[in-house]
Amino acid sequence: MATLKFLDPRGTVNPHDRLLVPGLDTLEGKIIGIIDNGQSNSTSMFKELAKLIEAKYHVKEVLCRTKPTHMQGAPKIIMDEMLNRCDAIITGLGA
């Protein structure tokens, strides 16, 4: 009889090991980056999110970029642009 082994994918985070970055006090006038993972329907979802952010939070700009594949991290050119231009970045699944 085979033994089943269950793994818990949730890692523990010690806040003393990695300090959290303080949040923004407002999004007004800020440049917000969105990194789209390129999965099915993600681009249209993130475009709609960008419109909502622009309308509700009066940001300066929403900068959207799409990764070539959802299987890897964003290329250096996308990350450099986001890090140099954006005040906050949103990334995630859009399937």
N, C-alpha and C. Protein backbone atom coordinates (compact mmCIF):
# COMPACT_ATOMS: atom_id res chain seq x y z
N MET A 1 0.85 -1.18 0.00
CA MET A 1 0.00 0.00 0.00
C MET A 1 0.89 1.25 0.00
N ALA A 2 0.61 2.17 -0.92
CA ALA A 2 1.41 3.39 -1.05
C ALA A 2 1.03 4.37 0.06
N THR A 3 2.02 5.13 0.48
CA THR A 3 1.79 6.16 1.48
C THR A 3 1.65 7.50 0.77
N LEU A 4 0.61 8.22 1.11
CA LEU A 4 0.40 9.55 0.54
C LEU A 4 1.09 10.58 1.41
N LYS A 5 1.73 11.52 0.77
CA LYS A 5 2.38 12.61 1.50
C LYS A 5 1.80 13.92 0.98
N PHE A 6 1.24 14.71 1.87
CA PHE A 6 0.67 16.00 1.50
C PHE A 6 1.66 17.10 1.83
N LEU A 7 1.87 17.99 0.87
CA LEU A 7 2.77 19.12 1.07
C LEU A 7 1.97 20.40 1.19
N ASP A 8 2.34 21.24 2.10
CA ASP A 8 1.68 22.52 2.29
C ASP A 8 2.46 23.58 1.53
N PRO A 9 1.87 24.18 0.46
CA PRO A 9 2.60 25.15 -0.35
C PRO A 9 2.76 26.52 0.30
N ARG A 10 2.08 26.73 1.40
CA ARG A 10 2.16 28.04 2.06
C ARG A 10 3.45 28.13 2.84
N GLY A 11 4.23 29.13 2.52
CA GLY A 11 5.47 29.35 3.25
C GLY A 11 5.21 30.27 4.43
N THR A 12 6.08 30.22 5.39
CA THR A 12 5.97 31.14 6.51
C THR A 12 6.85 32.35 6.21
N VAL A 13 6.38 33.50 6.59
CA VAL A 13 7.11 34.73 6.35
C VAL A 13 7.45 35.36 7.69
N ASN A 14 8.71 35.62 7.87
CA ASN A 14 9.15 36.31 9.06
C ASN A 14 9.35 37.78 8.68
N PRO A 15 8.51 38.70 9.19
CA PRO A 15 8.63 40.11 8.79
C PRO A 15 9.97 40.73 9.18
N HIS A 16 10.70 40.12 10.08
CA HIS A 16 12.00 40.65 10.46
C HIS A 16 13.06 40.32 9.41
N ASP A 17 12.82 39.28 8.62
CA ASP A 17 13.75 38.92 7.55
C ASP A 17 13.61 39.83 6.34
N ARG A 18 12.40 40.28 6.09
CA ARG A 18 12.13 41.09 4.90
C ARG A 18 11.11 42.15 5.28
N LEU A 19 11.58 43.36 5.44
CA LEU A 19 10.70 44.45 5.84
C LEU A 19 9.75 44.82 4.70
N LEU A 20 8.53 45.14 5.05
CA LEU A 20 7.55 45.56 4.06
C LEU A 20 7.81 46.99 3.64
N VAL A 21 7.59 47.26 2.37
CA VAL A 21 7.72 48.62 1.85
C VAL A 21 6.46 49.37 2.26
N PRO A 22 6.61 50.59 2.77
CA PRO A 22 5.41 51.33 3.16
C PRO A 22 4.55 51.62 1.94
N GLY A 23 3.25 51.59 2.13
CA GLY A 23 2.32 51.85 1.04
C GLY A 23 2.27 53.32 0.67
N LEU A 24 1.67 53.61 -0.46
CA LEU A 24 1.50 55.00 -0.88
C LEU A 24 0.33 55.62 -0.12
N ASP A 25 0.44 56.89 0.20
CA ASP A 25 -0.66 57.56 0.90
C ASP A 25 -1.81 57.88 -0.06
N THR A 26 -1.52 58.00 -1.35
CA THR A 26 -2.53 58.27 -2.36
C THR A 26 -2.03 57.77 -3.71
N LEU A 27 -2.95 57.51 -4.62
CA LEU A 27 -2.57 57.16 -5.99
C LEU A 27 -2.69 58.38 -6.92
N GLU A 28 -3.30 59.44 -6.42
CA GLU A 28 -3.50 60.64 -7.23
C GLU A 28 -2.16 61.20 -7.71
N GLY A 29 -2.08 61.40 -9.03
CA GLY A 29 -0.87 61.95 -9.61
C GLY A 29 0.28 60.97 -9.76
N LYS A 30 0.06 59.72 -9.42
CA LYS A 30 1.11 58.70 -9.48
C LYS A 30 1.08 57.95 -10.81
N ILE A 31 2.19 57.33 -11.16
CA ILE A 31 2.26 56.46 -12.33
C ILE A 31 2.16 55.02 -11.82
N ILE A 32 1.16 54.31 -12.31
CA ILE A 32 0.90 52.94 -11.89
C ILE A 32 1.26 52.01 -13.04
N GLY A 33 2.06 51.00 -12.76
CA GLY A 33 2.43 50.02 -13.76
C GLY A 33 1.60 48.75 -13.61
N ILE A 34 1.26 48.16 -14.74
CA ILE A 34 0.57 46.87 -14.74
C ILE A 34 1.38 45.92 -15.62
N ILE A 35 1.78 44.79 -15.05
CA ILE A 35 2.49 43.76 -15.81
C ILE A 35 1.50 42.63 -16.05
N ASP A 36 1.10 42.49 -17.30
CA ASP A 36 0.15 41.48 -17.74
C ASP A 36 0.93 40.21 -18.04
N ASN A 37 0.46 39.07 -17.55
CA ASN A 37 1.19 37.82 -17.77
C ASN A 37 0.90 37.19 -19.13
N GLY A 38 -0.04 37.74 -19.89
CA GLY A 38 -0.29 37.27 -21.24
C GLY A 38 -1.18 36.04 -21.35
N GLN A 39 -1.76 35.59 -20.26
CA GLN A 39 -2.65 34.44 -20.35
C GLN A 39 -3.97 34.85 -21.00
N SER A 40 -4.74 33.85 -21.38
CA SER A 40 -6.02 34.07 -22.03
C SER A 40 -6.88 35.04 -21.22
N ASN A 41 -7.39 36.06 -21.88
CA ASN A 41 -8.27 37.08 -21.30
C ASN A 41 -7.57 38.06 -20.36
N SER A 42 -6.29 37.87 -20.08
CA SER A 42 -5.65 38.76 -19.11
C SER A 42 -5.51 40.18 -19.65
N THR A 43 -5.20 40.32 -20.92
CA THR A 43 -4.98 41.66 -21.47
C THR A 43 -6.25 42.50 -21.39
N SER A 44 -7.38 41.94 -21.77
CA SER A 44 -8.63 42.71 -21.69
C SER A 44 -8.99 43.03 -20.24
N MET A 45 -8.72 42.10 -19.33
CA MET A 45 -9.01 42.35 -17.92
C MET A 45 -8.13 43.48 -17.37
N PHE A 46 -6.83 43.44 -17.70
CA PHE A 46 -5.93 44.47 -17.20
C PHE A 46 -6.20 45.83 -17.85
N LYS A 47 -6.64 45.86 -19.11
CA LYS A 47 -7.02 47.12 -19.75
C LYS A 47 -8.22 47.73 -19.04
N GLU A 48 -9.16 46.89 -18.67
CA GLU A 48 -10.33 47.37 -17.94
C GLU A 48 -9.92 47.87 -16.55
N LEU A 49 -9.03 47.16 -15.89
CA LEU A 49 -8.51 47.60 -14.59
C LEU A 49 -7.83 48.96 -14.72
N ALA A 50 -7.05 49.14 -15.78
CA ALA A 50 -6.37 50.43 -15.99
C ALA A 50 -7.38 51.57 -16.12
N LYS A 51 -8.47 51.34 -16.87
CA LYS A 51 -9.52 52.36 -17.01
C LYS A 51 -10.14 52.70 -15.66
N LEU A 52 -10.41 51.68 -14.86
CA LEU A 52 -11.01 51.91 -13.54
C LEU A 52 -10.07 52.70 -12.63
N ILE A 53 -8.79 52.35 -12.66
CA ILE A 53 -7.81 53.06 -11.83
C ILE A 53 -7.72 54.52 -12.26
N GLU A 54 -7.68 54.76 -13.58
CA GLU A 54 -7.60 56.14 -14.07
C GLU A 54 -8.82 56.96 -13.65
N ALA A 55 -9.99 56.36 -13.76
CA ALA A 55 -11.23 57.07 -13.45
C ALA A 55 -11.40 57.33 -11.95
N LYS A 56 -11.07 56.34 -11.15
CA LYS A 56 -11.35 56.45 -9.71
C LYS A 56 -10.25 57.15 -8.92
N TYR A 57 -9.00 56.97 -9.31
CA TYR A 57 -7.90 57.45 -8.47
C TYR A 57 -7.13 58.63 -9.05
N HIS A 58 -7.51 59.11 -10.24
CA HIS A 58 -6.89 60.30 -10.83
C HIS A 58 -5.37 60.19 -10.88
N VAL A 59 -4.91 59.06 -11.39
CA VAL A 59 -3.46 58.85 -11.52
C VAL A 59 -2.94 59.67 -12.69
N LYS A 60 -1.64 59.86 -12.71
CA LYS A 60 -1.01 60.57 -13.82
C LYS A 60 -1.02 59.70 -15.08
N GLU A 61 -0.73 58.39 -14.88
CA GLU A 61 -0.64 57.47 -16.02
C GLU A 61 -0.73 56.04 -15.52
N VAL A 62 -1.28 55.17 -16.35
CA VAL A 62 -1.21 53.73 -16.10
C VAL A 62 -0.39 53.14 -17.26
N LEU A 63 0.73 52.54 -16.91
CA LEU A 63 1.66 51.99 -17.88
C LEU A 63 1.46 50.47 -17.93
N CYS A 64 0.96 49.95 -19.05
CA CYS A 64 0.70 48.52 -19.18
C CYS A 64 1.75 47.86 -20.07
N ARG A 65 2.27 46.76 -19.63
CA ARG A 65 3.21 45.95 -20.40
C ARG A 65 2.81 44.49 -20.27
N THR A 66 3.01 43.72 -21.34
CA THR A 66 2.67 42.31 -21.34
C THR A 66 3.92 41.47 -21.46
N LYS A 67 4.06 40.50 -20.57
CA LYS A 67 5.19 39.57 -20.63
C LYS A 67 5.05 38.69 -21.88
N PRO A 68 6.17 38.26 -22.47
CA PRO A 68 6.09 37.38 -23.63
C PRO A 68 5.43 36.03 -23.32
N THR A 69 5.55 35.57 -22.09
CA THR A 69 4.96 34.30 -21.69
C THR A 69 4.66 34.32 -20.20
N HIS A 70 3.60 33.61 -19.82
CA HIS A 70 3.27 33.53 -18.39
C HIS A 70 4.17 32.52 -17.67
N MET A 71 5.00 31.82 -18.43
CA MET A 71 5.84 30.76 -17.85
C MET A 71 7.11 31.30 -17.20
N GLN A 72 7.44 32.57 -17.42
CA GLN A 72 8.67 33.14 -16.88
C GLN A 72 8.40 34.53 -16.33
N GLY A 73 9.36 35.03 -15.59
CA GLY A 73 9.25 36.39 -15.09
C GLY A 73 9.31 37.40 -16.22
N ALA A 74 9.01 38.62 -15.92
CA ALA A 74 9.07 39.68 -16.93
C ALA A 74 10.52 39.91 -17.35
N PRO A 75 10.74 40.19 -18.63
CA PRO A 75 12.09 40.47 -19.11
C PRO A 75 12.68 41.71 -18.43
N LYS A 76 13.99 41.77 -18.40
CA LYS A 76 14.69 42.87 -17.75
C LYS A 76 14.27 44.23 -18.28
N ILE A 77 14.03 44.33 -19.57
CA ILE A 77 13.65 45.62 -20.16
C ILE A 77 12.31 46.11 -19.59
N ILE A 78 11.37 45.20 -19.38
CA ILE A 78 10.08 45.58 -18.79
C ILE A 78 10.28 45.94 -17.32
N MET A 79 11.03 45.13 -16.59
CA MET A 79 11.25 45.41 -15.17
C MET A 79 11.97 46.73 -14.97
N ASP A 80 12.99 47.00 -15.77
CA ASP A 80 13.74 48.27 -15.64
C ASP A 80 12.83 49.46 -15.89
N GLU A 81 11.99 49.38 -16.93
CA GLU A 81 11.08 50.48 -17.22
C GLU A 81 10.10 50.69 -16.06
N MET A 82 9.53 49.61 -15.56
CA MET A 82 8.57 49.72 -14.46
C MET A 82 9.24 50.29 -13.20
N LEU A 83 10.41 49.79 -12.88
CA LEU A 83 11.10 50.26 -11.67
C LEU A 83 11.52 51.72 -11.77
N ASN A 84 11.88 52.16 -12.98
CA ASN A 84 12.34 53.53 -13.15
C ASN A 84 11.21 54.54 -13.32
N ARG A 85 10.05 54.10 -13.78
CA ARG A 85 8.97 55.05 -14.08
C ARG A 85 7.79 55.01 -13.12
N CYS A 86 7.56 53.88 -12.47
CA CYS A 86 6.31 53.70 -11.73
C CYS A 86 6.45 53.93 -10.23
N ASP A 87 5.37 54.46 -9.66
CA ASP A 87 5.30 54.62 -8.20
C ASP A 87 4.76 53.35 -7.54
N ALA A 88 3.97 52.57 -8.28
CA ALA A 88 3.41 51.31 -7.79
C ALA A 88 3.21 50.40 -9.00
N ILE A 89 3.31 49.10 -8.77
CA ILE A 89 3.17 48.13 -9.85
C ILE A 89 2.19 47.03 -9.43
N ILE A 90 1.30 46.68 -10.37
CA ILE A 90 0.34 45.60 -10.17
C ILE A 90 0.72 44.47 -11.11
N THR A 91 0.79 43.27 -10.60
CA THR A 91 1.04 42.11 -11.44
C THR A 91 0.26 40.94 -10.89
N GLY A 92 -0.05 40.00 -11.73
CA GLY A 92 -0.80 38.85 -11.26
C GLY A 92 -1.39 38.07 -12.41
N LEU A 93 -2.17 37.10 -12.09
CA LEU A 93 -2.81 36.26 -13.09
C LEU A 93 -4.04 36.97 -13.63
N GLY A 94 -4.27 36.74 -14.90
CA GLY A 94 -5.44 37.35 -15.51
C GLY A 94 -6.28 36.34 -16.27
N ALA A 95 -6.16 35.09 -15.92
CA ALA A 95 -6.88 34.05 -16.66
C ALA A 95 -8.36 34.07 -16.34
